[in-house]
Each structure stands twice: as C-alpha cells, then as structure tokens.
mmCIF file of all heavy atoms, coordinates in Angstrom:
data_MODEL
# 
_entry.id   MODEL 
# 
loop_
_atom_site.group_PDB 
_atom_site.id 
_atom_site.type_symbol 
_atom_site.label_atom_id 
_atom_site.label_alt_id 
_atom_site.label_comp_id 
_atom_site.label_asym_id 
_atom_site.label_entity_id 
_atom_site.label_seq_id 
_atom_site.pdbx_PDB_ins_code 
_atom_site.Cartn_x 
_atom_site.Cartn_y 
_atom_site.Cartn_z 
_atom_site.occupancy 
_atom_site.B_iso_or_equiv 
_atom_site.pdbx_formal_charge 
_atom_site.auth_seq_id 
_atom_site.auth_comp_id 
_atom_site.auth_asym_id 
_atom_site.auth_atom_id 
_atom_site.pdbx_PDB_model_num 
ATOM 1   N N   . GLY A 1 1  ? 9.637  -64.357 -90.426 1.00 0.00 ? 1  GLY A N   1 
ATOM 2   C CA  . GLY A 1 1  ? 10.499 -63.992 -89.313 1.00 0.00 ? 1  GLY A CA  1 
ATOM 3   C C   . GLY A 1 1  ? 9.855  -63.000 -88.369 1.00 0.00 ? 1  GLY A C   1 
ATOM 4   O O   . GLY A 1 1  ? 9.005  -62.205 -88.765 1.00 0.00 ? 1  GLY A O   1 
ATOM 5   N N   . VAL A 1 2  ? 10.268 -63.073 -87.101 1.00 0.00 ? 2  VAL A N   1 
ATOM 6   C CA  . VAL A 1 2  ? 9.887  -62.092 -86.081 1.00 0.00 ? 2  VAL A CA  1 
ATOM 7   C C   . VAL A 1 2  ? 11.182 -61.643 -85.415 1.00 0.00 ? 2  VAL A C   1 
ATOM 8   O O   . VAL A 1 2  ? 11.963 -62.480 -84.932 1.00 0.00 ? 2  VAL A O   1 
ATOM 9   C CB  . VAL A 1 2  ? 8.936  -62.688 -85.022 1.00 0.00 ? 2  VAL A CB  1 
ATOM 10  C CG1 . VAL A 1 2  ? 8.564  -61.622 -83.986 1.00 0.00 ? 2  VAL A CG1 1 
ATOM 11  C CG2 . VAL A 1 2  ? 7.684  -63.265 -85.670 1.00 0.00 ? 2  VAL A CG2 1 
ATOM 12  N N   . VAL A 1 3  ? 11.439 -60.343 -85.405 1.00 0.00 ? 3  VAL A N   1 
ATOM 13  C CA  . VAL A 1 3  ? 12.651 -59.819 -84.781 1.00 0.00 ? 3  VAL A CA  1 
ATOM 14  C C   . VAL A 1 3  ? 12.275 -58.776 -83.734 1.00 0.00 ? 3  VAL A C   1 
ATOM 15  O O   . VAL A 1 3  ? 11.165 -58.234 -83.741 1.00 0.00 ? 3  VAL A O   1 
ATOM 16  C CB  . VAL A 1 3  ? 13.616 -59.208 -85.823 1.00 0.00 ? 3  VAL A CB  1 
ATOM 17  C CG1 . VAL A 1 3  ? 14.048 -60.255 -86.829 1.00 0.00 ? 3  VAL A CG1 1 
ATOM 18  C CG2 . VAL A 1 3  ? 12.994 -58.010 -86.527 1.00 0.00 ? 3  VAL A CG2 1 
ATOM 19  N N   . HIS A 1 4  ? 13.214 -58.505 -82.831 1.00 0.00 ? 4  HIS A N   1 
ATOM 20  C CA  . HIS A 1 4  ? 13.001 -57.564 -81.734 1.00 0.00 ? 4  HIS A CA  1 
ATOM 21  C C   . HIS A 1 4  ? 14.129 -56.545 -81.750 1.00 0.00 ? 4  HIS A C   1 
ATOM 22  O O   . HIS A 1 4  ? 15.305 -56.902 -81.648 1.00 0.00 ? 4  HIS A O   1 
ATOM 23  C CB  . HIS A 1 4  ? 12.972 -58.315 -80.400 1.00 0.00 ? 4  HIS A CB  1 
ATOM 24  C CG  . HIS A 1 4  ? 12.952 -57.419 -79.202 1.00 0.00 ? 4  HIS A CG  1 
ATOM 25  N ND1 . HIS A 1 4  ? 13.658 -57.686 -78.043 1.00 0.00 ? 4  HIS A ND1 1 
ATOM 26  C CD2 . HIS A 1 4  ? 12.308 -56.237 -78.975 1.00 0.00 ? 4  HIS A CD2 1 
ATOM 27  C CE1 . HIS A 1 4  ? 13.451 -56.727 -77.168 1.00 0.00 ? 4  HIS A CE1 1 
ATOM 28  N NE2 . HIS A 1 4  ? 12.644 -55.837 -77.709 1.00 0.00 ? 4  HIS A NE2 1 
ATOM 29  N N   . THR A 1 5  ? 13.765 -55.272 -81.894 1.00 0.00 ? 5  THR A N   1 
ATOM 30  C CA  . THR A 1 5  ? 14.747 -54.187 -81.906 1.00 0.00 ? 5  THR A CA  1 
ATOM 31  C C   . THR A 1 5  ? 14.657 -53.376 -80.621 1.00 0.00 ? 5  THR A C   1 
ATOM 32  O O   . THR A 1 5  ? 13.562 -52.987 -80.198 1.00 0.00 ? 5  THR A O   1 
ATOM 33  C CB  . THR A 1 5  ? 14.512 -53.258 -83.118 1.00 0.00 ? 5  THR A CB  1 
ATOM 34  O OG1 . THR A 1 5  ? 14.788 -53.986 -84.315 1.00 0.00 ? 5  THR A OG1 1 
ATOM 35  C CG2 . THR A 1 5  ? 15.416 -52.034 -83.064 1.00 0.00 ? 5  THR A CG2 1 
ATOM 36  N N   . SER A 1 6  ? 15.790 -53.112 -80.006 1.00 0.00 ? 6  SER A N   1 
ATOM 37  C CA  . SER A 1 6  ? 15.853 -52.259 -78.816 1.00 0.00 ? 6  SER A CA  1 
ATOM 38  C C   . SER A 1 6  ? 16.085 -50.817 -79.238 1.00 0.00 ? 6  SER A C   1 
ATOM 39  O O   . SER A 1 6  ? 16.892 -50.546 -80.139 1.00 0.00 ? 6  SER A O   1 
ATOM 40  C CB  . SER A 1 6  ? 16.988 -52.712 -77.894 1.00 0.00 ? 6  SER A CB  1 
ATOM 41  O OG  . SER A 1 6  ? 16.769 -54.030 -77.439 1.00 0.00 ? 6  SER A OG  1 
ATOM 42  N N   . ASN A 1 7  ? 15.383 -49.898 -78.589 1.00 0.00 ? 7  ASN A N   1 
ATOM 43  C CA  . ASN A 1 7  ? 15.513 -48.470 -78.908 1.00 0.00 ? 7  ASN A CA  1 
ATOM 44  C C   . ASN A 1 7  ? 15.209 -47.656 -77.663 1.00 0.00 ? 7  ASN A C   1 
ATOM 45  O O   . ASN A 1 7  ? 14.049 -47.509 -77.280 1.00 0.00 ? 7  ASN A O   1 
ATOM 46  C CB  . ASN A 1 7  ? 14.557 -48.103 -80.050 1.00 0.00 ? 7  ASN A CB  1 
ATOM 47  C CG  . ASN A 1 7  ? 14.598 -46.628 -80.392 1.00 0.00 ? 7  ASN A CG  1 
ATOM 48  O OD1 . ASN A 1 7  ? 15.545 -45.938 -80.033 1.00 0.00 ? 7  ASN A OD1 1 
ATOM 49  N ND2 . ASN A 1 7  ? 13.574 -46.137 -81.067 1.00 0.00 ? 7  ASN A ND2 1 
ATOM 50  N N   . ASP A 1 8  ? 16.252 -47.113 -77.032 1.00 0.00 ? 8  ASP A N   1 
ATOM 51  C CA  . ASP A 1 8  ? 16.078 -46.305 -75.826 1.00 0.00 ? 8  ASP A CA  1 
ATOM 52  C C   . ASP A 1 8  ? 16.227 -44.812 -76.096 1.00 0.00 ? 8  ASP A C   1 
ATOM 53  O O   . ASP A 1 8  ? 16.261 -44.008 -75.160 1.00 0.00 ? 8  ASP A O   1 
ATOM 54  C CB  . ASP A 1 8  ? 17.107 -46.722 -74.767 1.00 0.00 ? 8  ASP A CB  1 
ATOM 55  C CG  . ASP A 1 8  ? 16.741 -48.040 -74.098 1.00 0.00 ? 8  ASP A CG  1 
ATOM 56  O OD1 . ASP A 1 8  ? 15.548 -48.239 -73.809 1.00 0.00 ? 8  ASP A OD1 1 
ATOM 57  O OD2 . ASP A 1 8  ? 17.643 -48.876 -73.895 1.00 0.00 ? 8  ASP A OD2 1 
ATOM 58  N N   . SER A 1 9  ? 16.308 -44.425 -77.350 1.00 0.00 ? 9  SER A N   1 
ATOM 59  C CA  . SER A 1 9  ? 16.474 -42.998 -77.660 1.00 0.00 ? 9  SER A CA  1 
ATOM 60  C C   . SER A 1 9  ? 15.199 -42.229 -77.306 1.00 0.00 ? 9  SER A C   1 
ATOM 61  O O   . SER A 1 9  ? 14.093 -42.774 -77.313 1.00 0.00 ? 9  SER A O   1 
ATOM 62  C CB  . SER A 1 9  ? 16.781 -42.808 -79.141 1.00 0.00 ? 9  SER A CB  1 
ATOM 63  O OG  . SER A 1 9  ? 15.669 -43.142 -79.921 1.00 0.00 ? 9  SER A OG  1 
ATOM 64  N N   . ILE A 1 10 ? 15.359 -40.958 -77.019 1.00 0.00 ? 10 ILE A N   1 
ATOM 65  C CA  . ILE A 1 10 ? 14.211 -40.113 -76.677 1.00 0.00 ? 10 ILE A CA  1 
ATOM 66  C C   . ILE A 1 10 ? 13.408 -39.757 -77.923 1.00 0.00 ? 10 ILE A C   1 
ATOM 67  O O   . ILE A 1 10 ? 12.194 -39.571 -77.880 1.00 0.00 ? 10 ILE A O   1 
ATOM 68  C CB  . ILE A 1 10 ? 14.691 -38.834 -75.948 1.00 0.00 ? 10 ILE A CB  1 
ATOM 69  C CG1 . ILE A 1 10 ? 15.319 -39.217 -74.600 1.00 0.00 ? 10 ILE A CG1 1 
ATOM 70  C CG2 . ILE A 1 10 ? 13.554 -37.853 -75.736 1.00 0.00 ? 10 ILE A CG2 1 
ATOM 71  C CD1 . ILE A 1 10 ? 15.956 -38.046 -73.869 1.00 0.00 ? 10 ILE A CD1 1 
ATOM 72  N N   . ALA A 1 11 ? 14.079 -39.684 -79.057 1.00 0.00 ? 11 ALA A N   1 
ATOM 73  C CA  . ALA A 1 11 ? 13.414 -39.284 -80.305 1.00 0.00 ? 11 ALA A CA  1 
ATOM 74  C C   . ALA A 1 11 ? 12.281 -40.245 -80.657 1.00 0.00 ? 11 ALA A C   1 
ATOM 75  O O   . ALA A 1 11 ? 12.385 -41.460 -80.429 1.00 0.00 ? 11 ALA A O   1 
ATOM 76  C CB  . ALA A 1 11 ? 14.431 -39.241 -81.438 1.00 0.00 ? 11 ALA A CB  1 
ATOM 77  N N   . ASP A 1 12 ? 11.211 -39.693 -81.218 1.00 0.00 ? 12 ASP A N   1 
ATOM 78  C CA  . ASP A 1 12 ? 10.074 -40.515 -81.633 1.00 0.00 ? 12 ASP A CA  1 
ATOM 79  C C   . ASP A 1 12 ? 10.338 -41.071 -83.033 1.00 0.00 ? 12 ASP A C   1 
ATOM 80  O O   . ASP A 1 12 ? 9.669  -40.729 -84.001 1.00 0.00 ? 12 ASP A O   1 
ATOM 81  C CB  . ASP A 1 12 ? 8.787  -39.693 -81.617 1.00 0.00 ? 12 ASP A CB  1 
ATOM 82  C CG  . ASP A 1 12 ? 7.567  -40.561 -81.903 1.00 0.00 ? 12 ASP A CG  1 
ATOM 83  O OD1 . ASP A 1 12 ? 7.614  -41.763 -81.593 1.00 0.00 ? 12 ASP A OD1 1 
ATOM 84  O OD2 . ASP A 1 12 ? 6.577  -40.033 -82.457 1.00 0.00 ? 12 ASP A OD2 1 
ATOM 85  N N   . ALA A 1 13 ? 11.364 -41.908 -83.108 1.00 0.00 ? 13 ALA A N   1 
ATOM 86  C CA  . ALA A 1 13 ? 11.754 -42.510 -84.377 1.00 0.00 ? 13 ALA A CA  1 
ATOM 87  C C   . ALA A 1 13 ? 12.335 -43.879 -84.077 1.00 0.00 ? 13 ALA A C   1 
ATOM 88  O O   . ALA A 1 13 ? 12.800 -44.150 -82.966 1.00 0.00 ? 13 ALA A O   1 
ATOM 89  C CB  . ALA A 1 13 ? 12.783 -41.639 -85.094 1.00 0.00 ? 13 ALA A CB  1 
ATOM 90  N N   . VAL A 1 14 ? 12.297 -44.757 -85.056 1.00 0.00 ? 14 VAL A N   1 
ATOM 91  C CA  . VAL A 1 14 ? 12.852 -46.090 -84.862 1.00 0.00 ? 14 VAL A CA  1 
ATOM 92  C C   . VAL A 1 14 ? 14.356 -46.032 -85.107 1.00 0.00 ? 14 VAL A C   1 
ATOM 93  O O   . VAL A 1 14 ? 14.816 -45.824 -86.225 1.00 0.00 ? 14 VAL A O   1 
ATOM 94  C CB  . VAL A 1 14 ? 12.201 -47.111 -85.817 1.00 0.00 ? 14 VAL A CB  1 
ATOM 95  C CG1 . VAL A 1 14 ? 12.838 -48.481 -85.618 1.00 0.00 ? 14 VAL A CG1 1 
ATOM 96  C CG2 . VAL A 1 14 ? 10.697 -47.184 -85.564 1.00 0.00 ? 14 VAL A CG2 1 
ATOM 97  N N   . ILE A 1 15 ? 15.118 -46.190 -84.026 1.00 0.00 ? 15 ILE A N   1 
ATOM 98  C CA  . ILE A 1 15 ? 16.583 -46.186 -84.105 1.00 0.00 ? 15 ILE A CA  1 
ATOM 99  C C   . ILE A 1 15 ? 17.067 -47.555 -83.649 1.00 0.00 ? 15 ILE A C   1 
ATOM 100 O O   . ILE A 1 15 ? 16.746 -48.004 -82.545 1.00 0.00 ? 15 ILE A O   1 
ATOM 101 C CB  . ILE A 1 15 ? 17.172 -45.062 -83.234 1.00 0.00 ? 15 ILE A CB  1 
ATOM 102 C CG1 . ILE A 1 15 ? 16.699 -43.705 -83.774 1.00 0.00 ? 15 ILE A CG1 1 
ATOM 103 C CG2 . ILE A 1 15 ? 18.688 -45.141 -83.208 1.00 0.00 ? 15 ILE A CG2 1 
ATOM 104 C CD1 . ILE A 1 15 ? 17.057 -42.528 -82.904 1.00 0.00 ? 15 ILE A CD1 1 
ATOM 105 N N   . ASN A 1 16 ? 17.809 -48.225 -84.491 1.00 0.00 ? 16 ASN A N   1 
ATOM 106 C CA  . ASN A 1 16 ? 18.248 -49.584 -84.213 1.00 0.00 ? 16 ASN A CA  1 
ATOM 107 C C   . ASN A 1 16 ? 19.426 -49.587 -83.256 1.00 0.00 ? 16 ASN A C   1 
ATOM 108 O O   . ASN A 1 16 ? 20.541 -49.230 -83.619 1.00 0.00 ? 16 ASN A O   1 
ATOM 109 C CB  . ASN A 1 16 ? 18.625 -50.266 -85.539 1.00 0.00 ? 16 ASN A CB  1 
ATOM 110 C CG  . ASN A 1 16 ? 19.062 -51.710 -85.328 1.00 0.00 ? 16 ASN A CG  1 
ATOM 111 O OD1 . ASN A 1 16 ? 18.863 -52.298 -84.271 1.00 0.00 ? 16 ASN A OD1 1 
ATOM 112 N ND2 . ASN A 1 16 ? 19.652 -52.290 -86.360 1.00 0.00 ? 16 ASN A ND2 1 
ATOM 113 N N   . GLU A 1 17 ? 19.163 -49.997 -82.027 1.00 0.00 ? 17 GLU A N   1 
ATOM 114 C CA  . GLU A 1 17 ? 20.225 -50.114 -81.026 1.00 0.00 ? 17 GLU A CA  1 
ATOM 115 C C   . GLU A 1 17 ? 20.492 -51.583 -80.693 1.00 0.00 ? 17 GLU A C   1 
ATOM 116 O O   . GLU A 1 17 ? 20.975 -51.904 -79.615 1.00 0.00 ? 17 GLU A O   1 
ATOM 117 C CB  . GLU A 1 17 ? 19.841 -49.319 -79.774 1.00 0.00 ? 17 GLU A CB  1 
ATOM 118 C CG  . GLU A 1 17 ? 19.728 -47.822 -80.040 1.00 0.00 ? 17 GLU A CG  1 
ATOM 119 C CD  . GLU A 1 17 ? 19.281 -47.021 -78.826 1.00 0.00 ? 17 GLU A CD  1 
ATOM 120 O OE1 . GLU A 1 17 ? 18.793 -47.632 -77.848 1.00 0.00 ? 17 GLU A OE1 1 
ATOM 121 O OE2 . GLU A 1 17 ? 19.421 -45.791 -78.858 1.00 0.00 ? 17 GLU A OE2 1 
ATOM 122 N N   . GLY A 1 18 ? 20.165 -52.431 -81.637 1.00 0.00 ? 18 GLY A N   1 
ATOM 123 C CA  . GLY A 1 18 ? 20.369 -53.872 -81.465 1.00 0.00 ? 18 GLY A CA  1 
ATOM 124 C C   . GLY A 1 18 ? 19.118 -54.641 -81.845 1.00 0.00 ? 18 GLY A C   1 
ATOM 125 O O   . GLY A 1 18 ? 18.030 -54.309 -81.384 1.00 0.00 ? 18 GLY A O   1 
ATOM 126 N N   . THR A 1 19 ? 19.275 -55.652 -82.707 1.00 0.00 ? 19 THR A N   1 
ATOM 127 C CA  . THR A 1 19 ? 18.135 -56.441 -83.167 1.00 0.00 ? 19 THR A CA  1 
ATOM 128 C C   . THR A 1 19 ? 18.443 -57.926 -83.031 1.00 0.00 ? 19 THR A C   1 
ATOM 129 O O   . THR A 1 19 ? 19.531 -58.377 -83.399 1.00 0.00 ? 19 THR A O   1 
ATOM 130 C CB  . THR A 1 19 ? 17.801 -56.114 -84.648 1.00 0.00 ? 19 THR A CB  1 
ATOM 131 O OG1 . THR A 1 19 ? 17.408 -54.745 -84.742 1.00 0.00 ? 19 THR A OG1 1 
ATOM 132 C CG2 . THR A 1 19 ? 16.665 -56.975 -85.163 1.00 0.00 ? 19 THR A CG2 1 
ATOM 133 N N   . GLU A 1 20 ? 17.492 -58.670 -82.464 1.00 0.00 ? 20 GLU A N   1 
ATOM 134 C CA  . GLU A 1 20 ? 17.643 -60.119 -82.303 1.00 0.00 ? 20 GLU A CA  1 
ATOM 135 C C   . GLU A 1 20 ? 16.481 -60.835 -82.987 1.00 0.00 ? 20 GLU A C   1 
ATOM 136 O O   . GLU A 1 20 ? 15.375 -60.302 -83.088 1.00 0.00 ? 20 GLU A O   1 
ATOM 137 C CB  . GLU A 1 20 ? 17.681 -60.499 -80.816 1.00 0.00 ? 20 GLU A CB  1 
ATOM 138 C CG  . GLU A 1 20 ? 16.393 -60.153 -80.066 1.00 0.00 ? 20 GLU A CG  1 
ATOM 139 C CD  . GLU A 1 20 ? 16.376 -60.685 -78.637 1.00 0.00 ? 20 GLU A CD  1 
ATOM 140 O OE1 . GLU A 1 20 ? 17.092 -61.670 -78.368 1.00 0.00 ? 20 GLU A OE1 1 
ATOM 141 O OE2 . GLU A 1 20 ? 15.610 -60.127 -77.826 1.00 0.00 ? 20 GLU A OE2 1 
ATOM 142 N N   . VAL A 1 21 ? 16.739 -62.040 -83.461 1.00 0.00 ? 21 VAL A N   1 
ATOM 143 C CA  . VAL A 1 21 ? 15.708 -62.844 -84.123 1.00 0.00 ? 21 VAL A CA  1 
ATOM 144 C C   . VAL A 1 21 ? 14.959 -63.650 -83.061 1.00 0.00 ? 21 VAL A C   1 
ATOM 145 O O   . VAL A 1 21 ? 15.567 -64.381 -82.278 1.00 0.00 ? 21 VAL A O   1 
ATOM 146 C CB  . VAL A 1 21 ? 16.328 -63.778 -85.169 1.00 0.00 ? 21 VAL A CB  1 
ATOM 147 C CG1 . VAL A 1 21 ? 15.252 -64.674 -85.780 1.00 0.00 ? 21 VAL A CG1 1 
ATOM 148 C CG2 . VAL A 1 21 ? 17.035 -62.976 -86.257 1.00 0.00 ? 21 VAL A CG2 1 
ATOM 149 N N   . LEU A 1 22 ? 13.633 -63.516 -83.041 1.00 0.00 ? 22 LEU A N   1 
ATOM 150 C CA  . LEU A 1 22 ? 12.791 -64.283 -82.115 1.00 0.00 ? 22 LEU A CA  1 
ATOM 151 C C   . LEU A 1 22 ? 12.224 -65.533 -82.778 1.00 0.00 ? 22 LEU A C   1 
ATOM 152 O O   . LEU A 1 22 ? 11.948 -66.531 -82.103 1.00 0.00 ? 22 LEU A O   1 
ATOM 153 C CB  . LEU A 1 22 ? 11.623 -63.418 -81.617 1.00 0.00 ? 22 LEU A CB  1 
ATOM 154 C CG  . LEU A 1 22 ? 11.962 -62.118 -80.893 1.00 0.00 ? 22 LEU A CG  1 
ATOM 155 C CD1 . LEU A 1 22 ? 10.684 -61.352 -80.561 1.00 0.00 ? 22 LEU A CD1 1 
ATOM 156 C CD2 . LEU A 1 22 ? 12.759 -62.398 -79.620 1.00 0.00 ? 22 LEU A CD2 1 
ATOM 157 N N   . TYR A 1 23 ? 12.046 -65.455 -84.092 1.00 0.00 ? 23 TYR A N   1 
ATOM 158 C CA  . TYR A 1 23 ? 11.446 -66.575 -84.824 1.00 0.00 ? 23 TYR A CA  1 
ATOM 159 C C   . TYR A 1 23 ? 11.885 -66.494 -86.279 1.00 0.00 ? 23 TYR A C   1 
ATOM 160 O O   . TYR A 1 23 ? 11.908 -65.404 -86.875 1.00 0.00 ? 23 TYR A O   1 
ATOM 161 C CB  . TYR A 1 23 ? 9.913  -66.492 -84.730 1.00 0.00 ? 23 TYR A CB  1 
ATOM 162 C CG  . TYR A 1 23 ? 9.169  -67.430 -85.660 1.00 0.00 ? 23 TYR A CG  1 
ATOM 163 C CD1 . TYR A 1 23 ? 8.904  -68.740 -85.281 1.00 0.00 ? 23 TYR A CD1 1 
ATOM 164 C CD2 . TYR A 1 23 ? 8.749  -66.995 -86.921 1.00 0.00 ? 23 TYR A CD2 1 
ATOM 165 C CE1 . TYR A 1 23 ? 8.222  -69.604 -86.137 1.00 0.00 ? 23 TYR A CE1 1 
ATOM 166 C CE2 . TYR A 1 23 ? 8.060  -67.844 -87.774 1.00 0.00 ? 23 TYR A CE2 1 
ATOM 167 C CZ  . TYR A 1 23 ? 7.808  -69.145 -87.380 1.00 0.00 ? 23 TYR A CZ  1 
ATOM 168 O OH  . TYR A 1 23 ? 7.136  -69.997 -88.227 1.00 0.00 ? 23 TYR A OH  1 
ATOM 169 N N   . GLY A 1 24 ? 12.249 -67.626 -86.868 1.00 0.00 ? 24 GLY A N   1 
ATOM 170 C CA  . GLY A 1 24 ? 12.574 -67.651 -88.293 1.00 0.00 ? 24 GLY A CA  1 
ATOM 171 C C   . GLY A 1 24 ? 13.873 -66.924 -88.601 1.00 0.00 ? 24 GLY A C   1 
ATOM 172 O O   . GLY A 1 24 ? 14.909 -67.169 -87.992 1.00 0.00 ? 24 GLY A O   1 
# 
C-alpha cells in the first residue's frame, strides 16, 4: 500500500490530519 497523510501543523512531528489510500 501507498497512503498520503496531510499535516499542516507547525510542529515538526507527524500529525494525522487526514489519510487517503493512493495504491493498494
């Protein structure tokens, strides 16, 4: 699978603000 997560937070951390599947 390949997924895409959006993250507009200023913090230098991975914050899940929405994830969509691109493949698989």
